[in-house]
Protein backbone atom coordinates (compact mmCIF):
# COMPACT_ATOMS: atom_id res chain seq x y z
CA MET A 1 106.96 83.61 108.69
CA THR A 2 106.12 87.38 109.10
CA TYR A 3 104.05 89.22 106.58
CA CYS A 4 102.79 92.76 106.03
CA ILE A 5 99.66 93.93 104.12
CA SER A 6 98.31 97.45 103.94
CA ASP A 7 95.28 99.24 102.61
CA ILE A 8 92.86 96.55 102.19
CA HIS A 9 89.90 99.03 102.10
CA GLY A 10 87.15 96.63 102.20
CA CYS A 11 88.46 94.35 99.39
CA TYR A 12 87.51 91.14 101.24
CA ASP A 13 87.71 88.71 98.34
CA GLU A 14 91.25 89.94 97.33
CA PHE A 15 92.31 89.76 101.04
CA MET A 16 91.24 86.09 101.26
CA GLN A 17 92.94 85.39 97.78
CA LEU A 18 96.17 86.91 99.12
CA LEU A 19 96.05 84.91 102.35
CA LYS A 20 95.58 81.70 100.37
CA LYS A 21 98.46 82.73 98.02
CA ILE A 22 100.88 83.20 100.86
CA LYS A 23 99.57 80.03 102.53
CA PHE A 24 98.99 81.89 105.77
CA GLY A 25 98.89 79.54 108.64
CA SER A 26 98.62 79.37 112.33
CA ASP A 27 102.53 79.59 112.82
CA ASP A 28 102.72 82.80 110.80
CA THR A 29 102.16 86.37 111.83
CA LEU A 30 100.52 89.02 109.79
CA TYR A 31 100.72 92.77 110.25
CA ILE A 32 98.00 94.90 108.66
CA LEU A 33 99.34 98.41 108.35
CA GLY A 34 96.08 100.12 108.65
CA ASP A 35 93.19 101.11 106.37
CA ALA A 36 91.33 97.78 106.34
CA ILE A 37 88.02 99.81 106.09
CA ASP A 38 86.22 102.33 103.95
CA ARG A 39 86.00 102.69 100.09
CA GLY A 40 85.38 98.97 99.25
CA GLN A 41 82.27 96.87 99.73
CA GLU A 42 83.02 94.78 102.70
CA PRO A 43 85.04 96.89 105.16
CA ILE A 44 83.54 95.44 108.31
CA LYS A 45 83.79 91.88 107.17
CA CYS A 46 87.49 92.46 106.62
CA LEU A 47 87.82 94.01 110.08
CA ARG A 48 85.99 91.24 111.81
CA TYR A 49 88.23 88.62 110.13
CA ILE A 50 91.27 90.48 111.37
CA MET A 51 89.85 90.77 114.82
CA GLU A 52 89.07 87.20 115.12
CA SER A 53 92.50 86.03 114.04
CA SER A 54 94.96 85.65 116.92
CA ASN A 55 97.99 85.95 114.67
CA ILE A 56 96.97 89.11 112.81
CA ARG A 57 98.20 92.25 114.40
CA MET A 58 96.67 95.60 113.02
CA LEU A 59 98.01 98.97 113.17
CA MET A 60 95.93 102.32 113.17
CA GLY A 61 95.39 103.80 109.74
CA ASN A 62 93.96 107.22 108.99
CA HIS A 63 90.52 105.69 108.03
CA GLU A 64 90.28 103.63 111.32
CA GLN A 65 91.25 107.02 113.16
CA MET A 66 88.55 108.86 111.27
CA MET A 67 86.05 106.20 112.26
CA VAL A 68 87.03 106.38 115.99
CA ASP A 69 86.86 110.19 115.88
CA PHE A 70 83.33 109.94 114.53
CA PHE A 71 82.19 107.70 117.29
CA SER A 72 83.93 109.80 119.80
CA GLY A 73 81.76 112.84 118.81
CA GLY A 74 83.21 114.12 115.59
CA ASP A 75 81.02 115.45 112.87
CA GLY A 76 82.02 112.69 110.40
CA GLY A 77 82.51 114.95 107.39
CA ASP A 78 86.08 113.96 106.73
CA TRP A 79 85.16 110.33 107.13
CA MET A 80 82.25 110.46 104.69
CA ARG A 81 84.37 112.37 102.10
CA ASN A 82 87.10 109.65 102.41
CA GLY A 83 84.79 106.73 101.68
CA GLY A 84 83.39 105.99 105.28
CA LYS A 85 79.85 105.46 103.93
CA THR A 86 80.32 101.72 103.05
CA THR A 87 81.78 101.15 106.53
CA LEU A 88 79.06 103.02 108.39
CA THR A 89 76.32 101.16 106.45
CA GLU A 90 77.81 97.84 107.26
CA PHE A 91 78.50 98.77 110.84
CA CYS A 92 74.94 99.99 111.47
CA ALA A 93 73.56 96.45 110.53
CA LEU A 94 75.50 94.98 113.49
CA GLU A 95 74.18 94.15 116.96
CA ARG A 96 74.98 96.82 119.48
CA ASP A 97 77.41 94.48 121.44
CA GLU A 98 79.29 93.81 118.16
CA GLN A 99 79.49 97.61 117.33
CA LEU A 100 80.94 98.30 120.81
CA ARG A 101 83.51 95.43 120.49
CA ILE A 102 84.70 96.87 117.25
CA ILE A 103 85.06 100.40 118.53
CA ASP A 104 86.95 99.20 121.49
CA TYR A 105 89.22 97.24 119.35
CA LEU A 106 90.02 100.22 117.13
CA MET A 107 90.58 102.56 119.93
CA ASP A 108 93.35 100.19 121.21
CA LEU A 109 95.27 99.95 117.91
CA PRO A 110 98.87 100.93 118.01
CA TYR A 111 100.37 103.43 115.58
CA THR A 112 103.69 101.79 114.95
CA ALA A 113 105.40 98.35 115.54
CA GLU A 114 108.92 97.11 115.35
CA VAL A 115 109.99 93.70 114.01
CA ARG A 116 113.46 92.30 114.07
CA ILE A 117 114.33 89.59 111.44
CA ASP A 118 117.90 88.33 111.98
CA ASP A 119 120.04 91.46 111.99
CA GLN A 120 117.56 93.80 110.33
CA ASN A 121 115.03 96.00 112.23
CA TYR A 122 111.87 96.93 110.48
CA VAL A 123 109.49 99.83 111.59
CA LEU A 124 105.96 99.26 110.51
CA VAL A 125 103.64 102.20 110.21
CA HIS A 126 100.62 103.29 108.11
CA ALA A 127 101.75 106.43 106.27
CA GLY A 128 105.32 107.07 107.35
CA LEU A 129 107.52 109.09 109.72
CA ASN A 130 108.39 112.79 110.18
CA VAL A 131 112.09 112.69 110.70
CA LYS A 132 113.11 116.16 111.91
CA ALA A 133 116.30 117.43 110.49
CA ASN A 134 117.70 118.37 113.87
CA LEU A 135 117.61 114.72 114.96
CA PHE A 136 120.29 113.90 112.43
CA GLY A 137 122.55 116.45 114.06
CA GLN A 138 122.84 113.89 116.83
CA SER A 139 125.72 111.45 116.15
CA GLN A 140 123.79 108.47 117.77
CA VAL A 141 120.16 109.11 116.80
CA SER A 142 118.09 106.03 117.53
CA THR A 143 114.94 104.57 116.06
CA ASN A 144 113.30 105.17 119.58
CA GLN A 145 114.21 108.86 119.51
CA VAL A 146 112.48 109.34 116.10
CA LEU A 147 109.40 107.41 117.10
CA ALA A 148 109.08 109.35 120.27
CA ASN A 149 109.05 112.54 118.17
CA GLN A 150 105.94 111.58 116.14
CA PHE A 151 102.53 113.21 116.08
CA VAL A 152 99.43 111.15 115.12
CA ASP A 153 99.07 113.14 111.95
CA ASP A 154 102.64 112.23 111.03
CA VAL A 155 102.16 108.43 111.17
CA LEU A 156 98.64 108.53 109.62
CA TRP A 157 98.72 111.17 106.95
CA ILE A 158 102.39 112.12 105.89
CA ARG A 159 103.39 111.65 102.39
CA GLU A 160 106.27 113.43 100.45
CA LYS A 161 107.79 114.80 103.61
CA PHE A 162 108.46 111.17 104.38
CA TYR A 163 109.07 109.08 101.40
CA ARG A 164 111.10 111.72 99.48
CA LYS A 165 113.52 112.05 102.25
CA LYS A 166 115.97 109.94 104.38
CA ALA A 167 114.15 108.08 107.14
CA LEU A 168 115.91 106.08 109.85
CA PRO A 169 119.63 105.38 109.93
CA ARG A 170 119.42 101.75 111.12
CA SER A 171 115.91 100.48 110.32
CA ILE A 172 113.85 100.01 107.17
CA VAL A 173 110.21 101.61 107.23
CA ILE A 174 107.43 99.43 105.87
CA PHE A 175 104.50 101.71 105.07
CA GLY A 176 101.18 101.85 103.12
CA HIS A 177 98.80 104.96 102.63
CA THR A 178 100.34 106.29 99.37
CA PRO A 179 99.49 104.04 96.54
CA ASN A 180 102.63 102.90 94.74
CA GLN A 181 101.53 104.43 91.49
CA HIS A 182 102.33 107.69 93.06
CA LEU A 183 105.64 106.63 94.37
CA ALA A 184 106.92 105.23 91.08
CA PRO A 185 104.87 106.24 87.91
CA LEU A 186 103.93 103.26 85.85
CA GLU A 187 103.97 102.74 82.20
CA LYS A 188 100.57 101.98 80.67
CA ASN A 189 99.10 98.58 81.60
CA GLU A 190 101.88 97.80 84.01
CA ASN A 191 100.95 96.14 87.18
CA PRO A 192 101.72 98.25 90.41
CA LYS A 193 104.52 96.69 92.32
CA ILE A 194 105.90 97.00 95.84
CA TRP A 195 108.03 100.10 96.01
CA HIS A 196 111.68 99.93 97.23
CA ASP A 197 113.40 103.27 97.92
CA GLU A 198 116.43 102.94 95.66
CA GLU A 199 118.00 106.26 96.89
CA PHE A 200 118.12 105.90 100.64
CA LYS A 201 117.54 102.13 100.90
CA ASP A 202 115.47 102.66 103.97
CA LYS A 203 111.72 102.41 102.93
CA ILE A 204 109.42 99.94 101.38
CA GLY A 205 105.88 101.04 100.20
CA ILE A 206 103.38 98.20 99.96
CA ASP A 207 100.00 99.98 99.15
CA GLY A 208 99.12 98.71 95.65
CA GLY A 209 95.92 100.78 95.36
CA CYS A 210 93.76 97.65 95.32
CA VAL A 211 90.39 99.35 95.83
CA TYR A 212 91.23 101.56 92.77
CA GLY A 213 91.73 98.52 90.43
CA GLY A 214 95.30 97.97 91.40
CA ALA A 215 96.81 95.22 93.57
CA LEU A 216 96.83 94.07 97.04
CA HIS A 217 100.37 93.15 98.15
CA ALA A 218 101.90 91.07 100.88
CA LEU A 219 105.49 91.41 101.87
CA ARG A 220 107.23 88.44 103.62
CA LEU A 221 109.76 90.07 105.89
CA ASP A 222 111.90 86.90 106.41
CA ASP A 223 113.28 87.10 102.86
CA LEU A 224 111.47 90.14 101.31
CA LYS A 225 109.46 87.96 98.95
CA GLU A 226 106.53 89.76 97.34
CA TYR A 227 103.08 88.40 96.64
CA SER A 228 100.17 90.21 94.81
CA VAL A 229 96.69 89.78 93.87
CA MET A 230 95.17 92.13 91.25
CA ARG A 231 91.76 93.44 91.45
CA ILE A 232 89.40 93.33 88.54
CA LEU A 233 86.92 96.14 88.56
CA ASN A 234 83.35 95.39 87.15
């Protein structure tokens, strides 16, 4: 089976609970759609688990990019303002060889992935895609054409310009980054759910805002079955 999880943000206990809930095994494949780190209490522990699992594939998130930028000579201001302190503290406690191994891993992360299940193609990305209007002027626009027109900021940071518009003509985009509470406002005390774009039928948002007291979601692509673990804030 093939699963997607996004925006773990250091919530290691919820991550382990969710893997147990989906009965994740050696014959399964899991895609992490970025933002395993920052904000929560055990970001490096989450990241190391992912790195050590041969059947888990991770995509670059904006938080991983900020960490890479910091260790490539950036000033780190944006990273610290966006919850990087917990990651940096845990990272600095590691041996030098382990630190280098983590940075090398992050630098090699891909920004997108494509998965085909039967006749359905899925594009996996952290934040979304910037689908330029002029591409739809072409009668046979392809997913590859759209992906080739992306900038790093598009796939890591985009919000309304993606999820409020039509995306890809023949693929469904699975994304995180924007908590589902912002995609579909909730009634009081309602649990955040995986978001399906009912207008264009071409997007699924899986960031349940776990680190903020919401849910950590998993989506099984084989049948679109949804799994969730709620976080209880102390």
